[in-house]
Amino acid sequence: MKYLKQRNKQLEDQQVIMELQNIREHCQDAQRRRVELTSLEQEINEDWEANLERVNMHLERLLVKADKDHAFLRHMAFHYMARNKVCKARIRNLKAKLRKAIKKQKRKRELD
């Protein structure tokens, strides 16, 4: 029984090793294929890389702009929240003054 378990373990290990070797061979083949590009293919790849770099730079600029816009919008939100609080306080103050003025007028009318 022990022998069969050990043999099974050895077979599993060999299978894993073979899979790793296959993966390594595929990677090496892919590297060889990359090296064996014609001049036209190399030019296309360079153009593609240059295009990717341009797109990346463009996206970075858009990200910077979006960050600025986001910061600006946060600033504006805080600004308008503060203005809203000030206006609400002013309204409460004016309402209190109006109530006092109405009470004064009622007292005057009652006295007259």
PDB file of N, CA and C in Angstrom:
ATOM      1  N   MET A   1       0.819  -1.187   0.000  1.00  0.00           N
ATOM      2  CA  MET A   1       0.000   0.000   0.000  1.00  0.00           C
ATOM      3  C   MET A   1       0.864   1.252   0.000  1.00  0.00           C
ATOM      4  N   LYS A   2       1.894   1.277   0.851  1.00  0.00           N
ATOM      5  CA  LYS A   2       2.801   2.420   0.889  1.00  0.00           C
ATOM      6  C   LYS A   2       3.474   2.610  -0.456  1.00  0.00           C
ATOM      7  N   TYR A   3       3.848   1.496  -1.061  1.00  0.00           N
ATOM      8  CA  TYR A   3       4.514   1.569  -2.358  1.00  0.00           C
ATOM      9  C   TYR A   3       3.605   2.236  -3.390  1.00  0.00           C
ATOM     10  N   LEU A   4       2.339   1.852  -3.397  1.00  0.00           N
ATOM     11  CA  LEU A   4       1.401   2.417  -4.372  1.00  0.00           C
ATOM     12  C   LEU A   4       1.191   3.917  -4.128  1.00  0.00           C
ATOM     13  N   LYS A   5       1.129   4.311  -2.856  1.00  0.00           N
ATOM     14  CA  LYS A   5       0.977   5.730  -2.557  1.00  0.00           C
ATOM     15  C   LYS A   5       2.192   6.528  -3.011  1.00  0.00           C
ATOM     16  N   GLN A   6       3.389   5.946  -2.752  1.00  0.00           N
ATOM     17  CA  GLN A   6       4.617   6.629  -3.175  1.00  0.00           C
ATOM     18  C   GLN A   6       4.689   6.712  -4.689  1.00  0.00           C
ATOM     19  N   ARG A   7       4.320   5.622  -5.337  1.00  0.00           N
ATOM     20  CA  ARG A   7       4.355   5.601  -6.809  1.00  0.00           C
ATOM     21  C   ARG A   7       3.357   6.620  -7.382  1.00  0.00           C
ATOM     22  N   ASN A   8       2.202   6.687  -6.791  1.00  0.00           N
ATOM     23  CA  ASN A   8       1.180   7.649  -7.225  1.00  0.00           C
ATOM     24  C   ASN A   8       1.703   9.084  -7.055  1.00  0.00           C
ATOM     25  N   LYS A   9       2.329   9.344  -5.923  1.00  0.00           N
ATOM     26  CA  LYS A   9       2.904  10.666  -5.662  1.00  0.00           C
ATOM     27  C   LYS A   9       3.990  10.988  -6.691  1.00  0.00           C
ATOM     28  N   GLN A  10       4.850   9.999  -7.009  1.00  0.00           N
ATOM     29  CA  GLN A  10       5.895  10.216  -8.006  1.00  0.00           C
ATOM     30  C   GLN A  10       5.287  10.544  -9.372  1.00  0.00           C
ATOM     31  N   LEU A  11       4.238   9.828  -9.745  1.00  0.00           N
ATOM     32  CA  LEU A  11       3.585  10.080 -11.036  1.00  0.00           C
ATOM     33  C   LEU A  11       2.964  11.476 -11.072  1.00  0.00           C
ATOM     34  N   GLU A  12       2.346  11.884  -9.977  1.00  0.00           N
ATOM     35  CA  GLU A  12       1.780  13.234  -9.919  1.00  0.00           C
ATOM     36  C   GLU A  12       2.872  14.287 -10.048  1.00  0.00           C
ATOM     37  N   ASP A  13       3.999  14.068  -9.352  1.00  0.00           N
ATOM     38  CA  ASP A  13       5.119  15.004  -9.430  1.00  0.00           C
ATOM     39  C   ASP A  13       5.674  15.068 -10.851  1.00  0.00           C
ATOM     40  N   GLN A  14       5.790  13.913 -11.503  1.00  0.00           N
ATOM     41  CA  GLN A  14       6.282  13.895 -12.879  1.00  0.00           C
ATOM     42  C   GLN A  14       5.329  14.637 -13.812  1.00  0.00           C
ATOM     43  N   GLN A  15       4.035  14.465 -13.574  1.00  0.00           N
ATOM     44  CA  GLN A  15       3.057  15.151 -14.407  1.00  0.00           C
ATOM     45  C   GLN A  15       3.179  16.666 -14.237  1.00  0.00           C
ATOM     46  N   VAL A  16       3.350  17.122 -13.010  1.00  0.00           N
ATOM     47  CA  VAL A  16       3.504  18.555 -12.757  1.00  0.00           C
ATOM     48  C   VAL A  16       4.768  19.068 -13.431  1.00  0.00           C
ATOM     49  N   ILE A  17       5.862  18.297 -13.316  1.00  0.00           N
ATOM     50  CA  ILE A  17       7.133  18.695 -13.943  1.00  0.00           C
ATOM     51  C   ILE A  17       6.976  18.780 -15.455  1.00  0.00           C
ATOM     52  N   MET A  18       6.268  17.822 -16.047  1.00  0.00           N
ATOM     53  CA  MET A  18       6.068  17.838 -17.505  1.00  0.00           C
ATOM     54  C   MET A  18       5.233  19.052 -17.923  1.00  0.00           C
ATOM     55  N   GLU A  19       4.215  19.373 -17.135  1.00  0.00           N
ATOM     56  CA  GLU A  19       3.405  20.555 -17.452  1.00  0.00           C
ATOM     57  C   GLU A  19       4.242  21.822 -17.383  1.00  0.00           C
ATOM     58  N   LEU A  20       5.094  21.927 -16.366  1.00  0.00           N
ATOM     59  CA  LEU A  20       5.965  23.093 -16.250  1.00  0.00           C
ATOM     60  C   LEU A  20       6.940  23.171 -17.430  1.00  0.00           C
ATOM     61  N   GLN A  21       7.461  22.014 -17.850  1.00  0.00           N
ATOM     62  CA  GLN A  21       8.361  22.003 -19.010  1.00  0.00           C
ATOM     63  C   GLN A  21       7.624  22.449 -20.266  1.00  0.00           C
ATOM     64  N   ASN A  22       6.386  21.997 -20.435  1.00  0.00           N
ATOM     65  CA  ASN A  22       5.587  22.422 -21.597  1.00  0.00           C
ATOM     66  C   ASN A  22       5.383  23.930 -21.582  1.00  0.00           C
ATOM     67  N   ILE A  23       5.054  24.465 -20.416  1.00  0.00           N
ATOM     68  CA  ILE A  23       4.858  25.911 -20.310  1.00  0.00           C
ATOM     69  C   ILE A  23       6.146  26.641 -20.652  1.00  0.00           C
ATOM     70  N   ARG A  24       7.267  26.170 -20.140  1.00  0.00           N
ATOM     71  CA  ARG A  24       8.560  26.795 -20.418  1.00  0.00           C
ATOM     72  C   ARG A  24       8.874  26.747 -21.912  1.00  0.00           C
ATOM     73  N   GLU A  25       8.599  25.596 -22.541  1.00  0.00           N
ATOM     74  CA  GLU A  25       8.856  25.473 -23.979  1.00  0.00           C
ATOM     75  C   GLU A  25       7.987  26.444 -24.780  1.00  0.00           C
ATOM     76  N   HIS A  26       6.725  26.561 -24.395  1.00  0.00           N
ATOM     77  CA  HIS A  26       5.843  27.498 -25.093  1.00  0.00           C
ATOM     78  C   HIS A  26       6.345  28.935 -24.939  1.00  0.00           C
ATOM     79  N   CYS A  27       6.816  29.282 -23.748  1.00  0.00           N
ATOM     80  CA  CYS A  27       7.353  30.630 -23.536  1.00  0.00           C
ATOM     81  C   CYS A  27       8.596  30.855 -24.396  1.00  0.00           C
ATOM     82  N   GLN A  28       9.465  29.851 -24.449  1.00  0.00           N
ATOM     83  CA  GLN A  28      10.672  29.986 -25.267  1.00  0.00           C
ATOM     84  C   GLN A  28      10.326  30.095 -26.736  1.00  0.00           C
ATOM     85  N   ASP A  29       9.339  29.311 -27.200  1.00  0.00           N
ATOM     86  CA  ASP A  29       8.900  29.409 -28.593  1.00  0.00           C
ATOM     87  C   ASP A  29       8.354  30.800 -28.893  1.00  0.00           C
ATOM     88  N   ALA A  30       7.584  31.331 -27.950  1.00  0.00           N
ATOM     89  CA  ALA A  30       7.023  32.667 -28.147  1.00  0.00           C
ATOM     90  C   ALA A  30       8.137  33.703 -28.223  1.00  0.00           C
ATOM     91  N   GLN A  31       9.169  33.564 -27.405  1.00  0.00           N
ATOM     92  CA  GLN A  31      10.297  34.498 -27.457  1.00  0.00           C
ATOM     93  C   GLN A  31      11.021  34.384 -28.790  1.00  0.00           C
ATOM     94  N   ARG A  32      11.200  33.157 -29.276  1.00  0.00           N
ATOM     95  CA  ARG A  32      11.853  32.974 -30.586  1.00  0.00           C
ATOM     96  C   ARG A  32      11.030  33.619 -31.687  1.00  0.00           C
ATOM     97  N   ARG A  33       9.714  33.450 -31.606  1.00  0.00           N
ATOM     98  CA  ARG A  33       8.846  34.045 -32.618  1.00  0.00           C
ATOM     99  C   ARG A  33       8.943  35.565 -32.588  1.00  0.00           C
ATOM    100  N   ARG A  34       9.066  36.138 -31.402  1.00  0.00           N
ATOM    101  CA  ARG A  34       9.196  37.595 -31.300  1.00  0.00           C
ATOM    102  C   ARG A  34      10.492  38.071 -31.931  1.00  0.00           C
ATOM    103  N   VAL A  35      11.527  37.291 -31.801  1.00  0.00           N
ATOM    104  CA  VAL A  35      12.824  37.675 -32.348  1.00  0.00           C
ATOM    105  C   VAL A  35      12.824  37.565 -33.869  1.00  0.00           C
ATOM    106  N   GLU A  36      12.081  36.622 -34.412  1.00  0.00           N
ATOM    107  CA  GLU A  36      12.120  36.340 -35.848  1.00  0.00           C
ATOM    108  C   GLU A  36      11.152  37.215 -36.654  1.00  0.00           C
ATOM    109  N   LEU A  37      10.829  38.406 -36.184  1.00  0.00           N
ATOM    110  CA  LEU A  37       9.932  39.289 -36.916  1.00  0.00           C
ATOM    111  C   LEU A  37      10.642  39.928 -38.101  1.00  0.00           C
ATOM    112  N   THR A  38       9.915  40.126 -39.172  1.00  0.00           N
ATOM    113  CA  THR A  38      10.479  40.822 -40.321  1.00  0.00           C
ATOM    114  C   THR A  38      10.561  42.308 -40.009  1.00  0.00           C
ATOM    115  N   SER A  39      11.238  43.042 -40.876  1.00  0.00           N
ATOM    116  CA  SER A  39      11.379  44.485 -40.632  1.00  0.00           C
ATOM    117  C   SER A  39      10.017  45.182 -40.648  1.00  0.00           C
ATOM    118  N   LEU A  40       9.130  44.739 -41.538  1.00  0.00           N
ATOM    119  CA  LEU A  40       7.790  45.321 -41.595  1.00  0.00           C
ATOM    120  C   LEU A  40       7.028  45.052 -40.293  1.00  0.00           C
ATOM    121  N   GLU A  41       7.122  43.818 -39.803  1.00  0.00           N
ATOM    122  CA  GLU A  41       6.452  43.478 -38.543  1.00  0.00           C
ATOM    123  C   GLU A  41       7.039  44.273 -37.378  1.00  0.00           C
ATOM    124  N   GLN A  42       8.363  44.455 -37.393  1.00  0.00           N
ATOM    125  CA  GLN A  42       8.995  45.239 -36.335  1.00  0.00           C
ATOM    126  C   GLN A  42       8.514  46.695 -36.390  1.00  0.00           C
ATOM    127  N   GLU A  43       8.389  47.229 -37.609  1.00  0.00           N
ATOM    128  CA  GLU A  43       7.917  48.606 -37.766  1.00  0.00           C
ATOM    129  C   GLU A  43       6.475  48.743 -37.267  1.00  0.00           C
ATOM    130  N   ILE A  44       5.651  47.737 -37.593  1.00  0.00           N
ATOM    131  CA  ILE A  44       4.255  47.755 -37.128  1.00  0.00           C
ATOM    132  C   ILE A  44       4.219  47.694 -35.604  1.00  0.00           C
ATOM    133  N   ASN A  45       5.045  46.831 -35.014  1.00  0.00           N
ATOM    134  CA  ASN A  45       5.087  46.733 -33.556  1.00  0.00           C
ATOM    135  C   ASN A  45       5.552  48.040 -32.932  1.00  0.00           C
ATOM    136  N   GLU A  46       6.538  48.693 -33.528  1.00  0.00           N
ATOM    137  CA  GLU A  46       7.022  49.962 -33.000  1.00  0.00           C
ATOM    138  C   GLU A  46       5.928  51.029 -33.092  1.00  0.00           C
ATOM    139  N   ASP A  47       5.236  51.045 -34.245  1.00  0.00           N
ATOM    140  CA  ASP A  47       4.130  51.999 -34.393  1.00  0.00           C
ATOM    141  C   ASP A  47       3.045  51.723 -33.354  1.00  0.00           C
ATOM    142  N   TRP A  48       2.785  50.457 -33.137  1.00  0.00           N
ATOM    143  CA  TRP A  48       1.772  50.068 -32.156  1.00  0.00           C
ATOM    144  C   TRP A  48       2.188  50.528 -30.768  1.00  0.00           C
ATOM    145  N   GLU A  49       3.484  50.307 -30.438  1.00  0.00           N
ATOM    146  CA  GLU A  49       3.979  50.746 -29.134  1.00  0.00           C
ATOM    147  C   GLU A  49       3.928  52.272 -29.023  1.00  0.00           C
ATOM    148  N   ALA A  50       4.303  52.962 -30.103  1.00  0.00           N
ATOM    149  CA  ALA A  50       4.254  54.423 -30.080  1.00  0.00           C
ATOM    150  C   ALA A  50       2.803  54.893 -29.911  1.00  0.00           C
ATOM    151  N   ASN A  51       1.894  54.223 -30.591  1.00  0.00           N
ATOM    152  CA  ASN A  51       0.482  54.572 -30.461  1.00  0.00           C
ATOM    153  C   ASN A  51       0.008  54.334 -29.032  1.00  0.00           C
ATOM    154  N   LEU A  52       0.421  53.217 -28.450  1.00  0.00           N
ATOM    155  CA  LEU A  52       0.048  52.935 -27.063  1.00  0.00           C
ATOM    156  C   LEU A  52       0.616  53.995 -26.125  1.00  0.00           C
ATOM    157  N   GLU A  53       1.834  54.434 -26.384  1.00  0.00           N
ATOM    158  CA  GLU A  53       2.430  55.480 -25.557  1.00  0.00           C
ATOM    159  C   GLU A  53       1.638  56.789 -25.680  1.00  0.00           C
ATOM    160  N   ARG A  54       1.239  57.143 -26.917  1.00  0.00           N
ATOM    161  CA  ARG A  54       0.444  58.353 -27.121  1.00  0.00           C
ATOM    162  C   ARG A  54      -0.895  58.245 -26.398  1.00  0.00           C
ATOM    163  N   VAL A  55      -1.525  57.085 -26.529  1.00  0.00           N
ATOM    164  CA  VAL A  55      -2.814  56.884 -25.863  1.00  0.00           C
ATOM    165  C   VAL A  55      -2.633  56.963 -24.356  1.00  0.00           C
ATOM    166  N   ASN A  56      -1.555  56.372 -23.855  1.00  0.00           N
ATOM    167  CA  ASN A  56      -1.282  56.398 -22.419  1.00  0.00           C
ATOM    168  C   ASN A  56      -1.068  57.832 -21.935  1.00  0.00           C
ATOM    169  N   MET A  57      -0.315  58.620 -22.696  1.00  0.00           N
ATOM    170  CA  MET A  57      -0.085  60.018 -22.327  1.00  0.00           C
ATOM    171  C   MET A  57      -1.407  60.783 -22.339  1.00  0.00           C
ATOM    172  N   HIS A  58      -2.226  60.524 -23.358  1.00  0.00           N
ATOM    173  CA  HIS A  58      -3.525  61.189 -23.457  1.00  0.00           C
ATOM    174  C   HIS A  58      -4.396  60.836 -22.251  1.00  0.00           C
ATOM    175  N   LEU A  59      -4.417  59.555 -21.884  1.00  0.00           N
ATOM    176  CA  LEU A  59      -5.223  59.129 -20.740  1.00  0.00           C
ATOM    177  C   LEU A  59      -4.698  59.731 -19.438  1.00  0.00           C
ATOM    178  N   GLU A  60      -3.371  59.863 -19.329  1.00  0.00           N
ATOM    179  CA  GLU A  60      -2.808  60.495 -18.136  1.00  0.00           C
ATOM    180  C   GLU A  60      -3.245  61.955 -18.036  1.00  0.00           C
ATOM    181  N   ARG A  61      -3.237  62.661 -19.187  1.00  0.00           N
ATOM    182  CA  ARG A  61      -3.701  64.055 -19.179  1.00  0.00           C
ATOM    183  C   ARG A  61      -5.173  64.129 -18.785  1.00  0.00           C
ATOM    184  N   LEU A  62      -5.979  63.215 -19.325  1.00  0.00           N
ATOM    185  CA  LEU A  62      -7.393  63.198 -18.962  1.00  0.00           C
ATOM    186  C   LEU A  62      -7.580  62.919 -17.474  1.00  0.00           C
ATOM    187  N   LEU A  63      -6.747  62.034 -16.935  1.00  0.00           N
ATOM    188  CA  LEU A  63      -6.838  61.725 -15.511  1.00  0.00           C
ATOM    189  C   LEU A  63      -6.471  62.932 -14.659  1.00  0.00           C
ATOM    190  N   VAL A  64      -5.424  63.647 -15.063  1.00  0.00           N
ATOM    191  CA  VAL A  64      -5.035  64.861 -14.338  1.00  0.00           C
ATOM    192  C   VAL A  64      -6.168  65.881 -14.391  1.00  0.00           C
ATOM    193  N   LYS A  65      -6.760  66.044 -15.588  1.00  0.00           N
ATOM    194  CA  LYS A  65      -7.869  66.990 -15.731  1.00  0.00           C
ATOM    195  C   LYS A  65      -9.054  66.565 -14.880  1.00  0.00           C
ATOM    196  N   ALA A  66      -9.347  65.276 -14.867  1.00  0.00           N
ATOM    197  CA  ALA A  66     -10.464  64.787 -14.058  1.00  0.00           C
ATOM    198  C   ALA A  66     -10.190  65.016 -12.575  1.00  0.00           C
ATOM    199  N   ASP A  67      -8.938  64.818 -12.153  1.00  0.00           N
ATOM    200  CA  ASP A  67      -8.593  65.081 -10.754  1.00  0.00           C
ATOM    201  C   ASP A  67      -8.795  66.553 -10.409  1.00  0.00           C
ATOM    202  N   LYS A  68      -8.369  67.443 -11.324  1.00  0.00           N
ATOM    203  CA  LYS A  68      -8.568  68.880 -11.086  1.00  0.00           C
ATOM    204  C   LYS A  68     -10.053  69.207 -11.024  1.00  0.00           C
ATOM    205  N   ASP A  69     -10.815  68.653 -11.969  1.00  0.00           N
ATOM    206  CA  ASP A  69     -12.255  68.901 -11.977  1.00  0.00           C
ATOM    207  C   ASP A  69     -12.903  68.394 -10.696  1.00  0.00           C
ATOM    208  N   HIS A  70     -12.469  67.228 -10.256  1.00  0.00           N
ATOM    209  CA  HIS A  70     -13.024  66.651  -9.030  1.00  0.00           C
ATOM    210  C   HIS A  70     -12.713  67.549  -7.836  1.00  0.00           C
ATOM    211  N   ALA A  71     -11.466  68.019  -7.755  1.00  0.00           N
ATOM    212  CA  ALA A  71     -11.096  68.910  -6.651  1.00  0.00           C
ATOM    213  C   ALA A  71     -11.906  70.199  -6.718  1.00  0.00           C
ATOM    214  N   PHE A  72     -12.071  70.741  -7.929  1.00  0.00           N
ATOM    215  CA  PHE A  72     -12.852  71.959  -8.098  1.00  0.00           C
ATOM    216  C   PHE A  72     -14.303  71.749  -7.671  1.00  0.00           C
ATOM    217  N   LEU A  73     -14.885  70.621  -8.087  1.00  0.00           N
ATOM    218  CA  LEU A  73     -16.274  70.343  -7.734  1.00  0.00           C
ATOM    219  C   LEU A  73     -16.443  70.155  -6.229  1.00  0.00           C
ATOM    220  N   ARG A  74     -15.454  69.517  -5.593  1.00  0.00           N
ATOM    221  CA  ARG A  74     -15.522  69.380  -4.138  1.00  0.00           C
ATOM    222  C   ARG A  74     -15.469  70.757  -3.482  1.00  0.00           C
ATOM    223  N   HIS A  75     -14.570  71.612  -3.991  1.00  0.00           N
ATOM    224  CA  HIS A  75     -14.460  72.967  -3.455  1.00  0.00           C
ATOM    225  C   HIS A  75     -15.778  73.709  -3.621  1.00  0.00           C
ATOM    226  N   MET A  76     -16.368  73.587  -4.811  1.00  0.00           N
ATOM    227  CA  MET A  76     -17.624  74.274  -5.070  1.00  0.00           C
ATOM    228  C   MET A  76     -18.736  73.734  -4.165  1.00  0.00           C
ATOM    229  N   ALA A  77     -18.755  72.430  -3.960  1.00  0.00           N
ATOM    230  CA  ALA A  77     -19.787  71.847  -3.094  1.00  0.00           C
ATOM    231  C   ALA A  77     -19.656  72.399  -1.677  1.00  0.00           C
ATOM    232  N   PHE A  78     -18.430  72.435  -1.162  1.00  0.00           N
ATOM    233  CA  PHE A  78     -18.227  72.980   0.179  1.00  0.00           C
ATOM    234  C   PHE A  78     -18.590  74.470   0.219  1.00  0.00           C
ATOM    235  N   HIS A  79     -18.235  75.193  -0.844  1.00  0.00           N
ATOM    236  CA  HIS A  79     -18.552  76.611  -0.923  1.00  0.00           C
ATOM    237  C   HIS A  79     -20.060  76.820  -0.841  1.00  0.00           C
ATOM    238  N   TYR A  80     -20.813  76.063  -1.653  1.00  0.00           N
ATOM    239  CA  TYR A  80     -22.258  76.255  -1.670  1.00  0.00           C
ATOM    240  C   TYR A  80     -22.919  75.733  -0.398  1.00  0.00           C
ATOM    241  N   MET A  81     -22.348  74.711   0.220  1.00  0.00           N
ATOM    242  CA  MET A  81     -22.900  74.267   1.511  1.00  0.00           C
ATOM    243  C   MET A  81     -22.713  75.360   2.555  1.00  0.00           C
ATOM    244  N   ALA A  82     -21.550  76.001   2.562  1.00  0.00           N
ATOM    245  CA  ALA A  82     -21.299  77.088   3.513  1.00  0.00           C
ATOM    246  C   ALA A  82     -22.235  78.262   3.231  1.00  0.00           C
ATOM    247  N   ARG A  83     -22.397  78.608   1.945  1.00  0.00           N
ATOM    248  CA  ARG A  83     -23.328  79.697   1.585  1.00  0.00           C
ATOM    249  C   ARG A  83     -24.740  79.373   2.017  1.00  0.00           C
ATOM    250  N   ASN A  84     -25.130  78.111   1.845  1.00  0.00           N
ATOM    251  CA  ASN A  84     -26.469  77.675   2.228  1.00  0.00           C
ATOM    252  C   ASN A  84     -26.671  77.847   3.731  1.00  0.00           C
ATOM    253  N   LYS A  85     -25.662  77.455   4.522  1.00  0.00           N
ATOM    254  CA  LYS A  85     -25.764  77.621   5.975  1.00  0.00           C
ATOM    255  C   LYS A  85     -25.882  79.094   6.350  1.00  0.00           C
ATOM    256  N   VAL A  86     -25.091  79.956   5.696  1.00  0.00           N
ATOM    257  CA  VAL A  86     -25.146  81.392   5.975  1.00  0.00           C
ATOM    258  C   VAL A  86     -26.524  81.939   5.626  1.00  0.00           C
ATOM    259  N   CYS A  87     -27.033  81.530   4.477  1.00  0.00           N
ATOM    260  CA  CYS A  87     -28.357  82.035   4.058  1.00  0.00           C
ATOM    261  C   CYS A  87     -29.453  81.549   5.002  1.00  0.00           C
ATOM    262  N   LYS A  88     -29.361  80.302   5.443  1.00  0.00           N
ATOM    263  CA  LYS A  88     -30.366  79.804   6.383  1.00  0.00           C
ATOM    264  C   LYS A  88     -30.296  80.581   7.694  1.00  0.00           C
ATOM    265  N   ALA A  89     -29.092  80.880   8.159  1.00  0.00           N
ATOM    266  CA  ALA A  89     -28.945  81.666   9.392  1.00  0.00           C
ATOM    267  C   ALA A  89     -29.531  83.061   9.198  1.00  0.00           C
ATOM    268  N   ARG A  90     -29.274  83.657   8.022  1.00  0.00           N
ATOM    269  CA  ARG A  90     -29.825  84.990   7.742  1.00  0.00           C
ATOM    270  C   ARG A  90     -31.357  84.942   7.724  1.00  0.00           C
ATOM    271  N   ILE A  91     -31.915  83.895   7.124  1.00  0.00           N
ATOM    272  CA  ILE A  91     -33.376  83.757   7.081  1.00  0.00           C
ATOM    273  C   ILE A  91     -33.935  83.625   8.495  1.00  0.00           C
ATOM    274  N   ARG A  92     -33.302  82.798   9.336  1.00  0.00           N
ATOM    275  CA  ARG A  92     -33.764  82.665  10.722  1.00  0.00           C
ATOM    276  C   ARG A  92     -33.710  84.006  11.444  1.00  0.00           C
ATOM    277  N   ASN A  93     -32.625  84.747  11.229  1.00  0.00           N
ATOM    278  CA  ASN A  93     -32.465  86.058  11.849  1.00  0.00           C
ATOM    279  C   ASN A  93     -33.567  87.017  11.389  1.00  0.00           C
ATOM    280  N   LEU A  94     -33.816  87.043  10.082  1.00  0.00           N
ATOM    281  CA  LEU A  94     -34.856  87.926   9.555  1.00  0.00           C
ATOM    282  C   LEU A  94     -36.240  87.517  10.036  1.00  0.00           C
ATOM    283  N   LYS A  95     -36.494  86.220  10.139  1.00  0.00           N
ATOM    284  CA  LYS A  95     -37.788  85.760  10.655  1.00  0.00           C
ATOM    285  C   LYS A  95     -37.973  86.221  12.105  1.00  0.00           C
ATOM    286  N   ALA A  96     -36.900  86.113  12.890  1.00  0.00           N
ATOM    287  CA  ALA A  96     -36.991  86.560  14.292  1.00  0.00           C
ATOM    288  C   ALA A  96     -37.273  88.057  14.354  1.00  0.00           C
ATOM    289  N   LYS A  97     -36.585  88.843  13.513  1.00  0.00           N
ATOM    290  CA  LYS A  97     -36.838  90.289  13.484  1.00  0.00           C
ATOM    291  C   LYS A  97     -38.267  90.579  13.057  1.00  0.00           C
ATOM    292  N   LEU A  98     -38.770  89.830  12.078  1.00  0.00           N
ATOM    293  CA  LEU A  98     -40.135  90.024  11.606  1.00  0.00           C
ATOM    294  C   LEU A  98     -41.142  89.711  12.711  1.00  0.00           C
ATOM    295  N   ARG A  99     -40.913  88.625  13.450  1.00  0.00           N
ATOM    296  CA  ARG A  99     -41.800  88.285  14.559  1.00  0.00           C
ATOM    297  C   ARG A  99     -41.816  89.412  15.605  1.00  0.00           C
ATOM    298  N   LYS A 100     -40.643  89.942  15.929  1.00  0.00           N
ATOM    299  CA  LYS A 100     -40.563  91.043  16.900  1.00  0.00           C
ATOM    300  C   LYS A 100     -41.311  92.269  16.389  1.00  0.00           C
ATOM    301  N   ALA A 101     -41.131  92.571  15.089  1.00  0.00           N
ATOM    302  CA  ALA A 101     -41.812  93.744  14.520  1.00  0.00           C
ATOM    303  C   ALA A 101     -43.323  93.551  14.530  1.00  0.00           C
ATOM    304  N   ILE A 102     -43.788  92.347  14.237  1.00  0.00           N
ATOM    305  CA  ILE A 102     -45.228  92.069  14.243  1.00  0.00           C
ATOM    306  C   ILE A 102     -45.783  92.206  15.657  1.00  0.00           C
ATOM    307  N   LYS A 103     -45.033  91.696  16.631  1.00  0.00           N
ATOM    308  CA  LYS A 103     -45.473  91.823  18.027  1.00  0.00           C
ATOM    309  C   LYS A 103     -45.555  93.295  18.436  1.00  0.00           C
ATOM    310  N   LYS A 104     -44.566  94.096  18.014  1.00  0.00           N
ATOM    311  CA  LYS A 104     -44.591  95.535  18.332  1.00  0.00           C
ATOM    312  C   LYS A 104     -45.820  96.195  17.730  1.00  0.00           C
ATOM    313  N   GLN A 105     -46.121  95.870  16.468  1.00  0.00           N
ATOM    314  CA  GLN A 105     -47.289  96.461  15.812  1.00  0.00           C
ATOM    315  C   GLN A 105     -48.572  96.062  16.524  1.00  0.00           C
ATOM    316  N   LYS A 106     -48.688  94.820  16.944  1.00  0.00           N
ATOM    317  CA  LYS A 106     -49.886  94.366  17.652  1.00  0.00           C
ATOM    318  C   LYS A 106     -50.032  95.124  18.975  1.00  0.00           C
ATOM    319  N   ARG A 107     -48.949  95.322  19.679  1.00  0.00           N
ATOM    320  CA  ARG A 107     -48.996  96.052  20.958  1.00  0.00           C
ATOM    321  C   ARG A 107     -49.428  97.507  20.731  1.00  0.00           C
ATOM    322  N   LYS A 108     -48.868  98.089  19.648  1.00  0.00           N
ATOM    323  CA  LYS A 108     -49.253  99.482  19.330  1.00  0.00           C
ATOM    324  C   LYS A 108     -50.742  99.588  19.052  1.00  0.00           C
ATOM    325  N   ARG A 109     -51.244  98.640  18.263  1.00  0.00           N
ATOM    326  CA  ARG A 109     -52.663  98.646  17.901  1.00  0.00           C
ATOM    327  C   ARG A 109     -53.540  98.450  19.151  1.00  0.00           C
ATOM    328  N   GLU A 110     -53.067  97.562  20.004  1.00  0.00           N
ATOM    329  CA  GLU A 110     -53.859  97.305  21.220  1.00  0.00           C
ATOM    330  C   GLU A 110     -53.884  98.545  22.127  1.00  0.00           C
ATOM    331  N   LEU A 111     -52.768  99.266  22.190  1.00  0.00           N
ATOM    332  CA  LEU A 111     -52.689 100.454  23.023  1.00  0.00           C
ATOM    333  C   LEU A 111     -53.505 101.604  22.421  1.00  0.00           C
ATOM    334  N   ASP A 112     -53.582 101.673  21.102  1.00  0.00           N
ATOM    335  CA  ASP A 112     -54.305 102.774  20.460  1.00  0.00           C
ATOM    336  C   ASP A 112     -55.747 102.582  20.485  1.00  0.00           C
TER     337      ASP A 112
END
